[in-house]
Amino acid sequence: MNEKIKQHLIKYNQSKGYSIDDDTLIETLFNVPVIGKQDEEEHRWWIEFTCFVEIDGMIIGFERAKSTRDMSVKEMGWEFDPTTIFEAEKYPITIMGFRAKE
């Protein structure tokens, strides 16, 4: 993870009285509410996706995975890669829907 994000997470964890070691900083990312997901990629044992969280005004994205079986992704061999952590931003999109004409 880059230094800007790391310092932001350290400041957040300190304000909450949490530890600031690297493992706890990553655990913080996993335990705050998710504000968005995208880019699913299916594999045999798991589905990888980009996950977005907002911590004290900073939007942070990172890769996560969910299992396609009864076992956890870790038990299936997937490991979190800290190099996937990046700062993100919101942007507007327009979604078109369709319905039958009356």
PDB file of N, CA and C in Angstrom:
ATOM      1  N   MET A   1       0.850  -1.179   0.000  1.00  0.00           N
ATOM      2  CA  MET A   1       0.000   0.000   0.000  1.00  0.00           C
ATOM      3  C   MET A   1       0.889   1.233   0.000  1.00  0.00           C
ATOM      4  N   ASN A   2       0.417   2.268  -0.678  1.00  0.00           N
ATOM      5  CA  ASN A   2       1.270   3.453  -0.737  1.00  0.00           C
ATOM      6  C   ASN A   2       1.271   4.197   0.603  1.00  0.00           C
ATOM      7  N   GLU A   3       2.240   5.062   0.754  1.00  0.00           N
ATOM      8  CA  GLU A   3       2.472   5.736   2.033  1.00  0.00           C
ATOM      9  C   GLU A   3       1.319   6.660   2.433  1.00  0.00           C
ATOM     10  N   LYS A   4       0.699   7.332   1.464  1.00  0.00           N
ATOM     11  CA  LYS A   4      -0.413   8.234   1.775  1.00  0.00           C
ATOM     12  C   LYS A   4      -1.574   7.460   2.405  1.00  0.00           C
ATOM     13  N   ILE A   5      -1.914   6.334   1.817  1.00  0.00           N
ATOM     14  CA  ILE A   5      -3.001   5.516   2.361  1.00  0.00           C
ATOM     15  C   ILE A   5      -2.608   4.953   3.720  1.00  0.00           C
ATOM     16  N   LYS A   6      -1.383   4.481   3.829  1.00  0.00           N
ATOM     17  CA  LYS A   6      -0.924   3.913   5.102  1.00  0.00           C
ATOM     18  C   LYS A   6      -1.011   4.952   6.221  1.00  0.00           C
ATOM     19  N   GLN A   7      -0.560   6.164   5.967  1.00  0.00           N
ATOM     20  CA  GLN A   7      -0.607   7.214   6.989  1.00  0.00           C
ATOM     21  C   GLN A   7      -2.052   7.566   7.350  1.00  0.00           C
ATOM     22  N   HIS A   8      -2.935   7.559   6.352  1.00  0.00           N
ATOM     23  CA  HIS A   8      -4.351   7.831   6.606  1.00  0.00           C
ATOM     24  C   HIS A   8      -4.943   6.750   7.516  1.00  0.00           C
ATOM     25  N   LEU A   9      -4.628   5.485   7.231  1.00  0.00           N
ATOM     26  CA  LEU A   9      -5.131   4.379   8.056  1.00  0.00           C
ATOM     27  C   LEU A   9      -4.533   4.413   9.464  1.00  0.00           C
ATOM     28  N   ILE A  10      -3.262   4.765   9.578  1.00  0.00           N
ATOM     29  CA  ILE A  10      -2.625   4.888  10.899  1.00  0.00           C
ATOM     30  C   ILE A  10      -3.347   5.947  11.726  1.00  0.00           C
ATOM     31  N   LYS A  11      -3.600   7.098  11.118  1.00  0.00           N
ATOM     32  CA  LYS A  11      -4.300   8.185  11.821  1.00  0.00           C
ATOM     33  C   LYS A  11      -5.694   7.730  12.263  1.00  0.00           C
ATOM     34  N   TYR A  12      -6.411   7.039  11.374  1.00  0.00           N
ATOM     35  CA  TYR A  12      -7.748   6.533  11.700  1.00  0.00           C
ATOM     36  C   TYR A  12      -7.675   5.532  12.854  1.00  0.00           C
ATOM     37  N   ASN A  13      -6.774   4.572  12.752  1.00  0.00           N
ATOM     38  CA  ASN A  13      -6.660   3.553  13.800  1.00  0.00           C
ATOM     39  C   ASN A  13      -6.271   4.165  15.142  1.00  0.00           C
ATOM     40  N   GLN A  14      -5.370   5.128  15.124  1.00  0.00           N
ATOM     41  CA  GLN A  14      -4.983   5.789  16.371  1.00  0.00           C
ATOM     42  C   GLN A  14      -6.174   6.499  17.001  1.00  0.00           C
ATOM     43  N   SER A  15      -7.020   7.119  16.171  1.00  0.00           N
ATOM     44  CA  SER A  15      -8.185   7.831  16.708  1.00  0.00           C
ATOM     45  C   SER A  15      -9.189   6.867  17.337  1.00  0.00           C
ATOM     46  N   LYS A  16      -9.161   5.617  16.923  1.00  0.00           N
ATOM     47  CA  LYS A  16     -10.067   4.593  17.457  1.00  0.00           C
ATOM     48  C   LYS A  16      -9.418   3.753  18.559  1.00  0.00           C
ATOM     49  N   GLY A  17      -8.122   3.983  18.806  1.00  0.00           N
ATOM     50  CA  GLY A  17      -7.405   3.205  19.816  1.00  0.00           C
ATOM     51  C   GLY A  17      -6.983   1.823  19.333  1.00  0.00           C
ATOM     52  N   TYR A  18      -6.931   1.643  18.004  1.00  0.00           N
ATOM     53  CA  TYR A  18      -6.534   0.361  17.432  1.00  0.00           C
ATOM     54  C   TYR A  18      -5.031   0.328  17.204  1.00  0.00           C
ATOM     55  N   SER A  19      -4.504  -0.857  17.038  1.00  0.00           N
ATOM     56  CA  SER A  19      -3.090  -1.042  16.716  1.00  0.00           C
ATOM     57  C   SER A  19      -2.809  -0.465  15.326  1.00  0.00           C
ATOM     58  N   ILE A  20      -1.540  -0.153  15.063  1.00  0.00           N
ATOM     59  CA  ILE A  20      -1.190   0.424  13.770  1.00  0.00           C
ATOM     60  C   ILE A  20      -0.212  -0.448  12.980  1.00  0.00           C
ATOM     61  N   ASP A  21      -0.093  -1.730  13.357  1.00  0.00           N
ATOM     62  CA  ASP A  21       0.772  -2.613  12.572  1.00  0.00           C
ATOM     63  C   ASP A  21       0.089  -2.905  11.229  1.00  0.00           C
ATOM     64  N   ASP A  22       0.857  -3.352  10.249  1.00  0.00           N
ATOM     65  CA  ASP A  22       0.331  -3.557   8.898  1.00  0.00           C
ATOM     66  C   ASP A  22      -0.863  -4.504   8.855  1.00  0.00           C
ATOM     67  N   ASP A  23      -0.812  -5.594   9.609  1.00  0.00           N
ATOM     68  CA  ASP A  23      -1.918  -6.556   9.605  1.00  0.00           C
ATOM     69  C   ASP A  23      -3.211  -5.921  10.113  1.00  0.00           C
ATOM     70  N   THR A  24      -3.114  -5.097  11.138  1.00  0.00           N
ATOM     71  CA  THR A  24      -4.304  -4.438  11.682  1.00  0.00           C
ATOM     72  C   THR A  24      -4.827  -3.373  10.721  1.00  0.00           C
ATOM     73  N   LEU A  25      -3.940  -2.688  10.023  1.00  0.00           N
ATOM     74  CA  LEU A  25      -4.385  -1.699   9.035  1.00  0.00           C
ATOM     75  C   LEU A  25      -5.193  -2.382   7.933  1.00  0.00           C
ATOM     76  N   ILE A  26      -4.741  -3.532   7.486  1.00  0.00           N
ATOM     77  CA  ILE A  26      -5.475  -4.289   6.469  1.00  0.00           C
ATOM     78  C   ILE A  26      -6.794  -4.795   7.039  1.00  0.00           C
ATOM     79  N   GLU A  27      -6.769  -5.252   8.277  1.00  0.00           N
ATOM     80  CA  GLU A  27      -7.994  -5.708   8.937  1.00  0.00           C
ATOM     81  C   GLU A  27      -9.014  -4.572   9.024  1.00  0.00           C
ATOM     82  N   THR A  28      -8.537  -3.350   9.223  1.00  0.00           N
ATOM     83  CA  THR A  28      -9.416  -2.179   9.254  1.00  0.00           C
ATOM     84  C   THR A  28     -10.156  -2.046   7.925  1.00  0.00           C
ATOM     85  N   LEU A  29      -9.437  -2.203   6.813  1.00  0.00           N
ATOM     86  CA  LEU A  29     -10.077  -2.127   5.496  1.00  0.00           C
ATOM     87  C   LEU A  29     -11.195  -3.149   5.362  1.00  0.00           C
ATOM     88  N   PHE A  30     -10.952  -4.347   5.884  1.00  0.00           N
ATOM     89  CA  PHE A  30     -11.930  -5.430   5.750  1.00  0.00           C
ATOM     90  C   PHE A  30     -13.140  -5.251   6.659  1.00  0.00           C
ATOM     91  N   ASN A  31     -13.028  -4.423   7.691  1.00  0.00           N
ATOM     92  CA  ASN A  31     -14.084  -4.326   8.693  1.00  0.00           C
ATOM     93  C   ASN A  31     -14.907  -3.045   8.663  1.00  0.00           C
ATOM     94  N   VAL A  32     -14.616  -2.143   7.739  1.00  0.00           N
ATOM     95  CA  VAL A  32     -15.465  -0.951   7.605  1.00  0.00           C
ATOM     96  C   VAL A  32     -16.510  -1.231   6.521  1.00  0.00           C
ATOM     97  N   PRO A  33     -17.633  -0.512   6.533  1.00  0.00           N
ATOM     98  CA  PRO A  33     -18.685  -0.783   5.547  1.00  0.00           C
ATOM     99  C   PRO A  33     -18.208  -0.593   4.102  1.00  0.00           C
ATOM    100  N   VAL A  34     -18.605  -1.494   3.259  1.00  0.00           N
ATOM    101  CA  VAL A  34     -18.286  -1.430   1.828  1.00  0.00           C
ATOM    102  C   VAL A  34     -19.259  -0.460   1.160  1.00  0.00           C
ATOM    103  N   ILE A  35     -18.727   0.461   0.357  1.00  0.00           N
ATOM    104  CA  ILE A  35     -19.587   1.422  -0.342  1.00  0.00           C
ATOM    105  C   ILE A  35     -19.763   1.057  -1.814  1.00  0.00           C
ATOM    106  N   GLY A  36     -18.987   0.106  -2.308  1.00  0.00           N
ATOM    107  CA  GLY A  36     -19.133  -0.302  -3.703  1.00  0.00           C
ATOM    108  C   GLY A  36     -18.278  -1.499  -4.042  1.00  0.00           C
ATOM    109  N   LYS A  37     -18.706  -2.228  -5.070  1.00  0.00           N
ATOM    110  CA  LYS A  37     -17.960  -3.375  -5.594  1.00  0.00           C
ATOM    111  C   LYS A  37     -18.054  -3.325  -7.113  1.00  0.00           C
ATOM    112  N   GLN A  38     -17.009  -3.821  -7.770  1.00  0.00           N
ATOM    113  CA  GLN A  38     -17.057  -3.907  -9.232  1.00  0.00           C
ATOM    114  C   GLN A  38     -15.990  -4.856  -9.751  1.00  0.00           C
ATOM    115  N   ASP A  39     -16.029  -5.084 -11.054  1.00  0.00           N
ATOM    116  CA  ASP A  39     -15.020  -5.883 -11.755  1.00  0.00           C
ATOM    117  C   ASP A  39     -14.871  -7.297 -11.231  1.00  0.00           C
ATOM    118  N   GLU A  40     -15.946  -8.061 -11.243  1.00  0.00           N
ATOM    119  CA  GLU A  40     -15.853  -9.449 -10.817  1.00  0.00           C
ATOM    120  C   GLU A  40     -15.110 -10.274 -11.845  1.00  0.00           C
ATOM    121  N   GLU A  41     -14.274 -11.176 -11.349  1.00  0.00           N
ATOM    122  CA  GLU A  41     -13.530 -12.103 -12.198  1.00  0.00           C
ATOM    123  C   GLU A  41     -13.661 -13.490 -11.587  1.00  0.00           C
ATOM    124  N   GLU A  42     -14.288 -14.398 -12.313  1.00  0.00           N
ATOM    125  CA  GLU A  42     -14.543 -15.729 -11.773  1.00  0.00           C
ATOM    126  C   GLU A  42     -13.369 -16.667 -11.996  1.00  0.00           C
ATOM    127  N   HIS A  43     -13.052 -17.411 -10.964  1.00  0.00           N
ATOM    128  CA  HIS A  43     -12.051 -18.477 -11.005  1.00  0.00           C
ATOM    129  C   HIS A  43     -12.743 -19.754 -10.537  1.00  0.00           C
ATOM    130  N   ARG A  44     -12.064 -20.849 -10.560  1.00  0.00           N
ATOM    131  CA  ARG A  44     -12.698 -22.116 -10.186  1.00  0.00           C
ATOM    132  C   ARG A  44     -13.173 -22.115  -8.743  1.00  0.00           C
ATOM    133  N   TRP A  45     -12.345 -21.621  -7.826  1.00  0.00           N
ATOM    134  CA  TRP A  45     -12.648 -21.748  -6.403  1.00  0.00           C
ATOM    135  C   TRP A  45     -13.099 -20.448  -5.754  1.00  0.00           C
ATOM    136  N   TRP A  46     -12.962 -19.320  -6.456  1.00  0.00           N
ATOM    137  CA  TRP A  46     -13.359 -18.038  -5.875  1.00  0.00           C
ATOM    138  C   TRP A  46     -13.700 -17.037  -6.968  1.00  0.00           C
ATOM    139  N   ILE A  47     -14.342 -15.969  -6.545  1.00  0.00           N
ATOM    140  CA  ILE A  47     -14.655 -14.846  -7.426  1.00  0.00           C
ATOM    141  C   ILE A  47     -13.947 -13.627  -6.853  1.00  0.00           C
ATOM    142  N   GLU A  48     -13.054 -13.042  -7.639  1.00  0.00           N
ATOM    143  CA  GLU A  48     -12.341 -11.838  -7.208  1.00  0.00           C
ATOM    144  C   GLU A  48     -13.129 -10.607  -7.635  1.00  0.00           C
ATOM    145  N   PHE A  49     -13.060  -9.568  -6.820  1.00  0.00           N
ATOM    146  CA  PHE A  49     -13.730  -8.316  -7.151  1.00  0.00           C
ATOM    147  C   PHE A  49     -12.993  -7.165  -6.497  1.00  0.00           C
ATOM    148  N   THR A  50     -13.205  -5.962  -7.036  1.00  0.00           N
ATOM    149  CA  THR A  50     -12.649  -4.760  -6.444  1.00  0.00           C
ATOM    150  C   THR A  50     -13.675  -4.220  -5.458  1.00  0.00           C
ATOM    151  N   CYS A  51     -13.218  -3.948  -4.262  1.00  0.00           N
ATOM    152  CA  CYS A  51     -14.064  -3.510  -3.157  1.00  0.00           C
ATOM    153  C   CYS A  51     -13.677  -2.068  -2.807  1.00  0.00           C
ATOM    154  N   PHE A  52     -14.664  -1.234  -2.472  1.00  0.00           N
ATOM    155  CA  PHE A  52     -14.389   0.159  -2.116  1.00  0.00           C
ATOM    156  C   PHE A  52     -14.952   0.469  -0.734  1.00  0.00           C
ATOM    157  N   VAL A  53     -14.146   1.151   0.072  1.00  0.00           N
ATOM    158  CA  VAL A  53     -14.566   1.595   1.398  1.00  0.00           C
ATOM    159  C   VAL A  53     -14.206   3.071   1.526  1.00  0.00           C
ATOM    160  N   GLU A  54     -14.898   3.751   2.443  1.00  0.00           N
ATOM    161  CA  GLU A  54     -14.574   5.147   2.719  1.00  0.00           C
ATOM    162  C   GLU A  54     -14.216   5.269   4.183  1.00  0.00           C
ATOM    163  N   ILE A  55     -13.006   5.780   4.423  1.00  0.00           N
ATOM    164  CA  ILE A  55     -12.523   5.947   5.791  1.00  0.00           C
ATOM    165  C   ILE A  55     -12.120   7.400   5.983  1.00  0.00           C
ATOM    166  N   ASP A  56     -12.868   8.100   6.829  1.00  0.00           N
ATOM    167  CA  ASP A  56     -12.610   9.523   7.109  1.00  0.00           C
ATOM    168  C   ASP A  56     -12.376  10.336   5.844  1.00  0.00           C
ATOM    169  N   GLY A  57     -13.266  10.160   4.870  1.00  0.00           N
ATOM    170  CA  GLY A  57     -13.221  10.966   3.655  1.00  0.00           C
ATOM    171  C   GLY A  57     -12.361  10.426   2.532  1.00  0.00           C
ATOM    172  N   MET A  58     -11.540   9.424   2.787  1.00  0.00           N
ATOM    173  CA  MET A  58     -10.709   8.841   1.733  1.00  0.00           C
ATOM    174  C   MET A  58     -11.376   7.552   1.244  1.00  0.00           C
ATOM    175  N   ILE A  59     -11.543   7.453  -0.076  1.00  0.00           N
ATOM    176  CA  ILE A  59     -12.091   6.240  -0.662  1.00  0.00           C
ATOM    177  C   ILE A  59     -10.918   5.347  -1.055  1.00  0.00           C
ATOM    178  N   ILE A  60     -10.969   4.123  -0.586  1.00  0.00           N
ATOM    179  CA  ILE A  60      -9.875   3.174  -0.801  1.00  0.00           C
ATOM    180  C   ILE A  60     -10.443   1.936  -1.492  1.00  0.00           C
ATOM    181  N   GLY A  61      -9.768   1.510  -2.550  1.00  0.00           N
ATOM    182  CA  GLY A  61     -10.146   0.302  -3.269  1.00  0.00           C
ATOM    183  C   GLY A  61      -9.104  -0.783  -3.058  1.00  0.00           C
ATOM    184  N   PHE A  62      -9.548  -2.035  -3.142  1.00  0.00           N
ATOM    185  CA  PHE A  62      -8.620  -3.169  -3.001  1.00  0.00           C
ATOM    186  C   PHE A  62      -9.311  -4.425  -3.489  1.00  0.00           C
ATOM    187  N   GLU A  63      -8.525  -5.433  -3.810  1.00  0.00           N
ATOM    188  CA  GLU A  63      -9.067  -6.693  -4.294  1.00  0.00           C
ATOM    189  C   GLU A  63      -9.506  -7.571  -3.133  1.00  0.00           C
ATOM    190  N   ARG A  64     -10.682  -8.181  -3.288  1.00  0.00           N
ATOM    191  CA  ARG A  64     -11.209  -9.159  -2.327  1.00  0.00           C
ATOM    192  C   ARG A  64     -11.652 -10.373  -3.113  1.00  0.00           C
ATOM    193  N   ALA A  65     -12.064 -11.397  -2.399  1.00  0.00           N
ATOM    194  CA  ALA A  65     -12.574 -12.593  -3.068  1.00  0.00           C
ATOM    195  C   ALA A  65     -13.644 -13.226  -2.201  1.00  0.00           C
ATOM    196  N   LYS A  66     -14.572 -13.917  -2.866  1.00  0.00           N
ATOM    197  CA  LYS A  66     -15.555 -14.716  -2.144  1.00  0.00           C
ATOM    198  C   LYS A  66     -15.485 -16.131  -2.708  1.00  0.00           C
ATOM    199  N   SER A  67     -15.706 -17.078  -1.853  1.00  0.00           N
ATOM    200  CA  SER A  67     -15.592 -18.478  -2.230  1.00  0.00           C
ATOM    201  C   SER A  67     -16.790 -18.940  -3.044  1.00  0.00           C
ATOM    202  N   THR A  68     -16.539 -19.876  -3.943  1.00  0.00           N
ATOM    203  CA  THR A  68     -17.628 -20.503  -4.692  1.00  0.00           C
ATOM    204  C   THR A  68     -18.003 -21.839  -4.057  1.00  0.00           C
ATOM    205  N   ARG A  69     -17.385 -22.172  -2.953  1.00  0.00           N
ATOM    206  CA  ARG A  69     -17.613 -23.442  -2.258  1.00  0.00           C
ATOM    207  C   ARG A  69     -17.956 -23.176  -0.802  1.00  0.00           C
ATOM    208  N   ASP A  70     -18.018 -24.241  -0.009  1.00  0.00           N
ATOM    209  CA  ASP A  70     -18.323 -24.118   1.412  1.00  0.00           C
ATOM    210  C   ASP A  70     -17.138 -23.608   2.232  1.00  0.00           C
ATOM    211  N   MET A  71     -15.925 -23.773   1.714  1.00  0.00           N
ATOM    212  CA  MET A  71     -14.727 -23.359   2.452  1.00  0.00           C
ATOM    213  C   MET A  71     -14.425 -21.883   2.178  1.00  0.00           C
ATOM    214  N   SER A  72     -13.627 -21.271   3.059  1.00  0.00           N
ATOM    215  CA  SER A  72     -13.262 -19.869   2.867  1.00  0.00           C
ATOM    216  C   SER A  72     -12.264 -19.741   1.716  1.00  0.00           C
ATOM    217  N   VAL A  73     -12.130 -18.514   1.196  1.00  0.00           N
ATOM    218  CA  VAL A  73     -11.180 -18.302   0.100  1.00  0.00           C
ATOM    219  C   VAL A  73      -9.750 -18.586   0.549  1.00  0.00           C
ATOM    220  N   LYS A  74      -9.460 -18.301   1.800  1.00  0.00           N
ATOM    221  CA  LYS A  74      -8.116 -18.582   2.314  1.00  0.00           C
ATOM    222  C   LYS A  74      -7.849 -20.085   2.326  1.00  0.00           C
ATOM    223  N   GLU A  75      -8.855 -20.851   2.745  1.00  0.00           N
ATOM    224  CA  GLU A  75      -8.712 -22.306   2.740  1.00  0.00           C
ATOM    225  C   GLU A  75      -8.583 -22.849   1.314  1.00  0.00           C
ATOM    226  N   MET A  76      -9.130 -22.128   0.353  1.00  0.00           N
ATOM    227  CA  MET A  76      -9.072 -22.542  -1.048  1.00  0.00           C
ATOM    228  C   MET A  76      -7.776 -22.081  -1.729  1.00  0.00           C
ATOM    229  N   GLY A  77      -6.970 -21.263  -1.035  1.00  0.00           N
ATOM    230  CA  GLY A  77      -5.676 -20.863  -1.585  1.00  0.00           C
ATOM    231  C   GLY A  77      -5.548 -19.409  -1.993  1.00  0.00           C
ATOM    232  N   TRP A  78      -6.626 -18.626  -1.897  1.00  0.00           N
ATOM    233  CA  TRP A  78      -6.532 -17.214  -2.256  1.00  0.00           C
ATOM    234  C   TRP A  78      -5.882 -16.443  -1.117  1.00  0.00           C
ATOM    235  N   GLU A  79      -4.986 -15.530  -1.457  1.00  0.00           N
ATOM    236  CA  GLU A  79      -4.347 -14.681  -0.453  1.00  0.00           C
ATOM    237  C   GLU A  79      -4.506 -13.226  -0.845  1.00  0.00           C
ATOM    238  N   PHE A  80      -4.757 -12.393   0.149  1.00  0.00           N
ATOM    239  CA  PHE A  80      -4.870 -10.952  -0.087  1.00  0.00           C
ATOM    240  C   PHE A  80      -3.514 -10.400  -0.496  1.00  0.00           C
ATOM    241  N   ASP A  81      -3.504  -9.528  -1.504  1.00  0.00           N
ATOM    242  CA  ASP A  81      -2.279  -8.896  -1.981  1.00  0.00           C
ATOM    243  C   ASP A  81      -2.341  -7.408  -1.641  1.00  0.00           C
ATOM    244  N   PRO A  82      -1.543  -6.949  -0.670  1.00  0.00           N
ATOM    245  CA  PRO A  82      -1.583  -5.536  -0.260  1.00  0.00           C
ATOM    246  C   PRO A  82      -1.243  -4.555  -1.383  1.00  0.00           C
ATOM    247  N   THR A  83      -0.592  -5.027  -2.441  1.00  0.00           N
ATOM    248  CA  THR A  83      -0.266  -4.116  -3.548  1.00  0.00           C
ATOM    249  C   THR A  83      -1.502  -3.735  -4.350  1.00  0.00           C
ATOM    250  N   THR A  84      -2.649  -4.385  -4.085  1.00  0.00           N
ATOM    251  CA  THR A  84      -3.887  -4.042  -4.796  1.00  0.00           C
ATOM    252  C   THR A  84      -4.601  -2.849  -4.162  1.00  0.00           C
ATOM    253  N   ILE A  85      -4.108  -2.347  -3.033  1.00  0.00           N
ATOM    254  CA  ILE A  85      -4.752  -1.221  -2.347  1.00  0.00           C
ATOM    255  C   ILE A  85      -4.440   0.076  -3.103  1.00  0.00           C
ATOM    256  N   PHE A  86      -5.481   0.857  -3.375  1.00  0.00           N
ATOM    257  CA  PHE A  86      -5.279   2.119  -4.097  1.00  0.00           C
ATOM    258  C   PHE A  86      -6.311   3.146  -3.637  1.00  0.00           C
ATOM    259  N   GLU A  87      -5.972   4.428  -3.828  1.00  0.00           N
ATOM    260  CA  GLU A  87      -6.934   5.490  -3.533  1.00  0.00           C
ATOM    261  C   GLU A  87      -7.872   5.632  -4.729  1.00  0.00           C
ATOM    262  N   ALA A  88      -9.156   5.791  -4.456  1.00  0.00           N
ATOM    263  CA  ALA A  88     -10.155   5.877  -5.517  1.00  0.00           C
ATOM    264  C   ALA A  88     -10.956   7.166  -5.368  1.00  0.00           C
ATOM    265  N   GLU A  89     -11.788   7.425  -6.339  1.00  0.00           N
ATOM    266  CA  GLU A  89     -12.666   8.586  -6.288  1.00  0.00           C
ATOM    267  C   GLU A  89     -14.035   8.212  -6.831  1.00  0.00           C
ATOM    268  N   LYS A  90     -15.047   8.938  -6.383  1.00  0.00           N
ATOM    269  CA  LYS A  90     -16.402   8.757  -6.895  1.00  0.00           C
ATOM    270  C   LYS A  90     -16.528   9.508  -8.216  1.00  0.00           C
ATOM    271  N   TYR A  91     -17.351   8.960  -9.098  1.00  0.00           N
ATOM    272  CA  TYR A  91     -17.682   9.690 -10.311  1.00  0.00           C
ATOM    273  C   TYR A  91     -19.117   9.337 -10.692  1.00  0.00           C
ATOM    274  N   PRO A  92     -19.836  10.289 -11.292  1.00  0.00           N
ATOM    275  CA  PRO A  92     -21.240  10.032 -11.623  1.00  0.00           C
ATOM    276  C   PRO A  92     -21.361   9.145 -12.862  1.00  0.00           C
ATOM    277  N   ILE A  93     -22.367   8.277 -12.840  1.00  0.00           N
ATOM    278  CA  ILE A  93     -22.701   7.483 -14.020  1.00  0.00           C
ATOM    279  C   ILE A  93     -24.211   7.529 -14.201  1.00  0.00           C
ATOM    280  N   THR A  94     -24.650   7.359 -15.427  1.00  0.00           N
ATOM    281  CA  THR A  94     -26.071   7.320 -15.719  1.00  0.00           C
ATOM    282  C   THR A  94     -26.415   5.899 -16.141  1.00  0.00           C
ATOM    283  N   ILE A  95     -27.444   5.352 -15.541  1.00  0.00           N
ATOM    284  CA  ILE A  95     -27.879   4.004 -15.873  1.00  0.00           C
ATOM    285  C   ILE A  95     -29.240   4.104 -16.539  1.00  0.00           C
ATOM    286  N   MET A  96     -29.355   3.491 -17.686  1.00  0.00           N
ATOM    287  CA  MET A  96     -30.622   3.485 -18.410  1.00  0.00           C
ATOM    288  C   MET A  96     -31.378   2.213 -18.052  1.00  0.00           C
ATOM    289  N   GLY A  97     -32.661   2.363 -17.780  1.00  0.00           N
ATOM    290  CA  GLY A  97     -33.525   1.225 -17.545  1.00  0.00           C
ATOM    291  C   GLY A  97     -34.565   1.140 -18.647  1.00  0.00           C
ATOM    292  N   PHE A  98     -35.176  -0.004 -18.774  1.00  0.00           N
ATOM    293  CA  PHE A  98     -36.197  -0.199 -19.794  1.00  0.00           C
ATOM    294  C   PHE A  98     -37.421  -0.834 -19.177  1.00  0.00           C
ATOM    295  N   ARG A  99     -38.594  -0.482 -19.728  1.00  0.00           N
ATOM    296  CA  ARG A  99     -39.852  -1.052 -19.271  1.00  0.00           C
ATOM    297  C   ARG A  99     -40.827  -1.061 -20.444  1.00  0.00           C
ATOM    298  N   ALA A 100     -41.883  -1.833 -20.311  1.00  0.00           N
ATOM    299  CA  ALA A 100     -42.886  -1.921 -21.372  1.00  0.00           C
ATOM    300  C   ALA A 100     -43.641  -0.605 -21.475  1.00  0.00           C
ATOM    301  N   LYS A 101     -43.971  -0.221 -22.680  1.00  0.00           N
ATOM    302  CA  LYS A 101     -44.772   0.977 -22.887  1.00  0.00           C
ATOM    303  C   LYS A 101     -46.189   0.693 -22.464  1.00  0.00           C
ATOM    304  N   GLU A 102     -46.829   1.674 -21.901  1.00  0.00           N
ATOM    305  CA  GLU A 102     -48.235   1.506 -21.499  1.00  0.00           C
ATOM    306  C   GLU A 102     -49.161   1.929 -22.610  1.00  0.00           C
TER     307      GLU A 102
END
